């Protein structure tokens, strides 16, 4: 198990790192433990941003339904309504697109007051223009989307740009707690940034305290530091 506290605040949920052409060189020049913290903080903060985009689900619950007389009966774990081939968009007060969520089928279960989505695909735009994509085979959310889980081939990617290598996450399970800003998984996860790769059997990330806890076998591979060549004499 490895525990490390990130140094310094993250900006805009970690999506403003690497905006200039010198950031990659500065990052490679850091000690390995500093690069580990910087890399994981960026990854897991962008995971939170993607999960926050799922907060739009509550709009579905408040979508007006046709007022049809119903017979009162004890709730069962069967959906009371579904949406197929749906797409939900979330905009800023200024009218800018902030997040887009689509999926094959969305189901609401009245007994647990939860939402389930098949093959969810999420795209979120950060204020400075960075793009984050997320997908999985299945997503599960509670009523107010404060707790979201991704199941099966879960992927979260910050799209690379001309000045940023981009970030990516792959795993079979993700559990996000949006009110407390925590992301965790009890299953193996792989994080990639350029040539850097970090693998862990499980992890817990606290975005408020900036603490990353890696559990089980932790393996990290970083590109070799680039040292300046001495001028020929």
Protein backbone atom coordinates (compact mmCIF):
# COMPACT_ATOMS: atom_id res chain seq x y z
CA UNK A 1 0.00 0.00 0.00
CA UNK A 2 1.26 3.45 -0.88
CA UNK A 3 -0.13 6.72 0.43
CA UNK A 4 0.94 10.14 -0.80
CA UNK A 5 -0.42 13.63 -0.29
CA UNK A 6 -0.47 15.87 -3.35
CA UNK A 7 1.39 19.14 -3.04
CA UNK A 8 -0.49 22.30 -3.93
CA UNK A 9 -4.09 22.80 -5.11
CA UNK A 10 -5.37 21.43 -8.39
CA UNK A 11 -6.90 23.90 -10.78
CA UNK A 12 -10.29 23.33 -12.40
CA UNK A 13 -10.46 19.69 -11.27
CA UNK A 14 -7.00 18.99 -12.57
CA UNK A 15 -7.79 19.87 -16.17
CA UNK A 16 -5.52 22.88 -16.45
CA UNK A 17 -2.26 21.02 -16.01
CA UNK A 18 -0.07 20.93 -19.07
CA UNK A 19 -1.51 23.91 -20.92
CA UNK A 20 1.89 25.24 -22.05
CA UNK A 21 4.57 23.55 -24.11
CA UNK A 22 7.07 23.44 -21.21
CA UNK A 23 4.81 21.51 -18.81
CA UNK A 24 5.76 18.06 -20.09
CA UNK A 25 9.48 18.81 -19.70
CA UNK A 26 8.97 20.18 -16.18
CA UNK A 27 6.93 17.10 -15.27
CA UNK A 28 9.63 14.68 -16.48
CA UNK A 29 12.22 16.57 -14.44
CA UNK A 30 10.40 15.94 -11.13
CA UNK A 31 11.36 13.09 -8.75
CA UNK A 32 9.40 9.87 -9.35
CA UNK A 33 7.23 10.27 -6.23
CA UNK A 34 6.27 13.82 -7.23
CA UNK A 35 5.38 12.61 -10.72
CA UNK A 36 3.28 9.83 -9.19
CA UNK A 37 1.28 12.31 -7.11
CA UNK A 38 0.91 14.79 -9.98
CA UNK A 39 -0.19 12.09 -12.40
CA UNK A 40 -2.72 10.41 -10.11
CA UNK A 41 -4.16 13.72 -8.90
CA UNK A 42 -4.77 14.78 -12.48
CA UNK A 43 -6.32 11.44 -13.44
CA UNK A 44 -8.63 11.15 -10.48
CA UNK A 45 -9.72 14.76 -10.57
CA UNK A 46 -10.81 14.37 -14.18
CA UNK A 47 -12.69 11.23 -13.16
CA UNK A 48 -14.65 13.36 -10.71
CA UNK A 49 -15.44 15.86 -13.43
CA UNK A 50 -16.79 13.13 -15.67
CA UNK A 51 -18.88 11.77 -12.81
CA UNK A 52 -20.20 15.24 -12.01
CA UNK A 53 -21.51 15.41 -15.55
CA UNK A 54 -23.79 12.53 -14.64
CA UNK A 55 -25.61 14.88 -12.26
CA UNK A 56 -27.83 15.71 -15.22
CA UNK A 57 -29.62 12.43 -14.59
CA UNK A 58 -31.85 14.11 -12.03
CA UNK A 59 -33.44 15.99 -14.93
CA UNK A 60 -34.79 12.71 -16.20
CA UNK A 61 -36.50 12.02 -12.90
CA UNK A 62 -38.22 15.40 -13.11
CA UNK A 63 -39.29 14.99 -16.73
CA UNK A 64 -43.09 15.38 -16.84
CA UNK A 65 -44.81 12.05 -17.39
CA UNK A 66 -48.28 11.43 -18.75
CA UNK A 67 -50.74 11.51 -15.87
CA UNK A 68 -52.27 8.03 -16.06
CA UNK A 69 -54.31 6.62 -13.15
CA UNK A 70 -52.26 3.97 -11.39
CA UNK A 71 -53.10 1.26 -8.90
CA UNK A 72 -51.08 1.64 -5.72
CA UNK A 73 -48.93 -1.42 -5.05
CA UNK A 74 -45.75 -2.23 -3.14
CA UNK A 75 -42.68 -1.22 -5.15
CA UNK A 76 -40.75 -4.02 -6.86
CA UNK A 77 -37.34 -3.98 -8.49
CA UNK A 78 -38.83 -3.37 -11.90
CA UNK A 79 -38.42 -0.10 -13.82
CA UNK A 80 -41.39 2.25 -13.71
CA UNK A 81 -40.12 4.08 -16.81
CA UNK A 82 -37.36 3.80 -19.37
CA UNK A 83 -35.70 5.98 -21.99
CA UNK A 84 -34.12 4.45 -25.09
CA UNK A 85 -31.41 5.94 -27.27
CA UNK A 86 -31.47 9.04 -25.09
CA UNK A 87 -29.22 12.07 -25.01
CA UNK A 88 -29.04 14.68 -22.25
CA UNK A 89 -27.13 17.95 -22.58
CA UNK A 90 -26.10 20.28 -19.78
CA UNK A 91 -25.36 23.97 -20.43
CA UNK A 92 -23.77 26.76 -18.42
CA UNK A 93 -25.85 29.85 -17.51
CA UNK A 94 -24.10 31.55 -20.45
CA UNK A 95 -25.42 28.90 -22.84
CA UNK A 96 -22.15 27.00 -23.37
CA UNK A 97 -22.36 23.21 -23.61
CA UNK A 98 -20.78 21.73 -20.47
CA UNK A 99 -21.65 18.03 -20.68
CA UNK A 100 -23.37 15.55 -22.93
CA UNK A 101 -24.60 12.14 -21.79
CA UNK A 102 -26.05 9.43 -23.98
CA UNK A 103 -26.84 5.75 -23.63
CA UNK A 104 -28.75 2.84 -25.06
CA UNK A 105 -31.33 2.57 -22.27
CA UNK A 106 -32.01 4.41 -19.01
CA UNK A 107 -34.19 2.76 -16.37
CA UNK A 108 -35.57 4.10 -13.08
CA UNK A 109 -36.25 1.63 -10.25
CA UNK A 110 -38.82 2.97 -7.75
CA UNK A 111 -38.00 0.53 -4.94
CA UNK A 112 -34.41 1.79 -4.63
CA UNK A 113 -34.97 5.16 -6.37
CA UNK A 114 -31.94 4.51 -8.57
CA UNK A 115 -31.11 4.98 -12.24
CA UNK A 116 -29.37 2.42 -14.42
CA UNK A 117 -27.90 3.15 -17.86
CA UNK A 118 -26.67 0.69 -20.47
CA UNK A 119 -23.53 1.69 -22.42
CA UNK A 120 -23.28 5.26 -21.06
CA UNK A 121 -21.09 7.69 -22.97
CA UNK A 122 -20.19 11.02 -21.38
CA UNK A 123 -18.34 14.01 -22.82
CA UNK A 124 -17.53 16.98 -20.57
CA UNK A 125 -15.99 20.32 -21.57
CA UNK A 126 -13.85 22.19 -19.02
CA UNK A 127 -14.04 26.02 -18.89
CA UNK A 128 -10.63 26.36 -20.56
CA UNK A 129 -11.66 24.02 -23.39
CA UNK A 130 -10.28 20.65 -22.28
CA UNK A 131 -12.41 17.64 -23.22
CA UNK A 132 -13.01 14.57 -21.05
CA UNK A 133 -14.69 11.39 -22.34
CA UNK A 134 -16.03 8.56 -20.17
CA UNK A 135 -17.75 5.28 -20.99
CA UNK A 136 -18.64 1.92 -19.47
CA UNK A 137 -20.92 -1.03 -20.09
CA UNK A 138 -23.25 0.03 -17.28
CA UNK A 139 -23.74 2.93 -14.90
CA UNK A 140 -25.73 3.09 -11.67
CA UNK A 141 -26.73 6.28 -9.84
CA UNK A 142 -28.76 7.12 -6.77
CA UNK A 143 -31.66 9.57 -6.97
CA UNK A 144 -29.68 12.83 -6.74
CA UNK A 145 -26.62 11.50 -8.63
CA UNK A 146 -24.43 12.12 -5.57
CA UNK A 147 -23.18 8.53 -5.81
CA UNK A 148 -22.34 7.06 -9.22
CA UNK A 149 -20.86 3.69 -10.14
CA UNK A 150 -19.41 2.55 -13.48
CA UNK A 151 -19.24 -1.17 -14.27
CA UNK A 152 -17.46 -3.09 -17.01
CA UNK A 153 -14.64 -1.73 -19.18
CA UNK A 154 -14.83 1.69 -17.52
CA UNK A 155 -12.73 4.27 -19.37
CA UNK A 156 -12.10 7.94 -18.72
CA UNK A 157 -9.89 9.95 -21.06
CA UNK A 158 -8.77 13.55 -21.21
CA UNK A 159 -8.32 14.13 -24.91
CA UNK A 160 -4.76 14.98 -25.94
CA UNK A 161 -3.99 18.35 -27.50
CA UNK A 162 -1.02 19.89 -29.28
CA UNK A 163 0.46 20.92 -25.91
CA UNK A 164 -0.84 18.13 -23.64
CA UNK A 165 -0.25 14.37 -23.79
CA UNK A 166 -3.69 13.62 -22.42
CA UNK A 167 -4.66 11.24 -19.62
CA UNK A 168 -6.56 7.96 -19.54
CA UNK A 169 -8.00 5.49 -17.02
CA UNK A 170 -9.10 1.90 -17.55
CA UNK A 171 -10.67 -0.49 -15.09
CA UNK A 172 -13.68 -2.70 -14.48
CA UNK A 173 -15.23 -0.63 -11.68
CA UNK A 174 -15.36 2.96 -10.44
CA UNK A 175 -17.29 4.37 -7.48
CA UNK A 176 -17.62 8.15 -7.17
CA UNK A 177 -19.03 10.07 -4.19
CA UNK A 178 -19.67 13.54 -5.56
CA UNK A 179 -20.66 15.38 -2.36
CA UNK A 180 -17.48 14.31 -0.58
CA UNK A 181 -15.41 14.38 -3.81
CA UNK A 182 -14.03 10.88 -3.49
CA UNK A 183 -13.33 8.28 -6.18
CA UNK A 184 -12.43 4.70 -5.31
CA UNK A 185 -12.23 1.22 -6.75
CA UNK A 186 -11.67 -2.20 -5.19
CA UNK A 187 -10.56 -3.63 -8.53
CA UNK A 188 -7.37 -3.21 -10.59
CA UNK A 189 -6.93 0.12 -12.36
CA UNK A 190 -4.49 1.40 -14.98
CA UNK A 191 -3.60 5.07 -15.46
CA UNK A 192 -1.69 6.30 -18.52
CA UNK A 193 -0.15 9.66 -19.36
CA UNK A 194 2.08 9.65 -22.40
CA UNK A 195 4.73 6.99 -21.72
CA UNK A 196 3.95 6.89 -17.98
CA UNK A 197 1.85 3.96 -16.75
CA UNK A 198 0.61 3.33 -13.18
CA UNK A 199 -1.17 0.14 -12.12
CA UNK A 200 -2.71 -0.68 -8.75
CA UNK A 201 -4.95 -3.42 -7.37
CA UNK A 202 -7.23 -0.81 -5.75
CA UNK A 203 -7.23 2.90 -4.95
CA UNK A 204 -8.98 5.63 -2.97
CA UNK A 205 -8.71 9.30 -3.92
CA UNK A 206 -9.86 12.24 -1.79
CA UNK A 207 -10.03 15.35 -3.96
CA UNK A 208 -10.61 17.70 -1.00
CA UNK A 209 -7.62 16.50 1.04
CA UNK A 210 -5.55 15.77 -2.12
CA UNK A 211 -4.68 12.28 -0.85
CA UNK A 212 -4.15 9.26 -3.09
CA UNK A 213 -4.07 5.82 -1.47
CA UNK A 214 -2.93 2.89 -3.63
CA UNK A 215 -3.50 -0.67 -2.40
CA UNK A 216 -2.15 -4.09 -3.25
CA UNK A 217 0.53 -4.44 -5.89
CA UNK A 218 1.47 -0.99 -7.20
CA UNK A 219 3.58 -0.74 -10.34
CA UNK A 220 4.65 2.52 -11.96
CA UNK A 221 6.66 3.08 -15.13
CA UNK A 222 7.90 6.57 -16.00
CA UNK A 223 9.90 7.75 -19.01
CA UNK A 224 13.57 8.39 -18.28
CA UNK A 225 14.51 11.94 -17.40
CA UNK A 226 15.97 13.97 -20.18
CA UNK A 227 19.25 15.57 -19.22
CA UNK A 228 20.83 18.41 -21.11
CA UNK A 229 23.85 17.41 -23.14
CA UNK A 230 27.12 19.09 -22.32
CA UNK A 231 28.42 21.25 -25.14
CA UNK A 232 31.27 19.74 -27.10
CA UNK A 233 34.68 21.13 -26.26
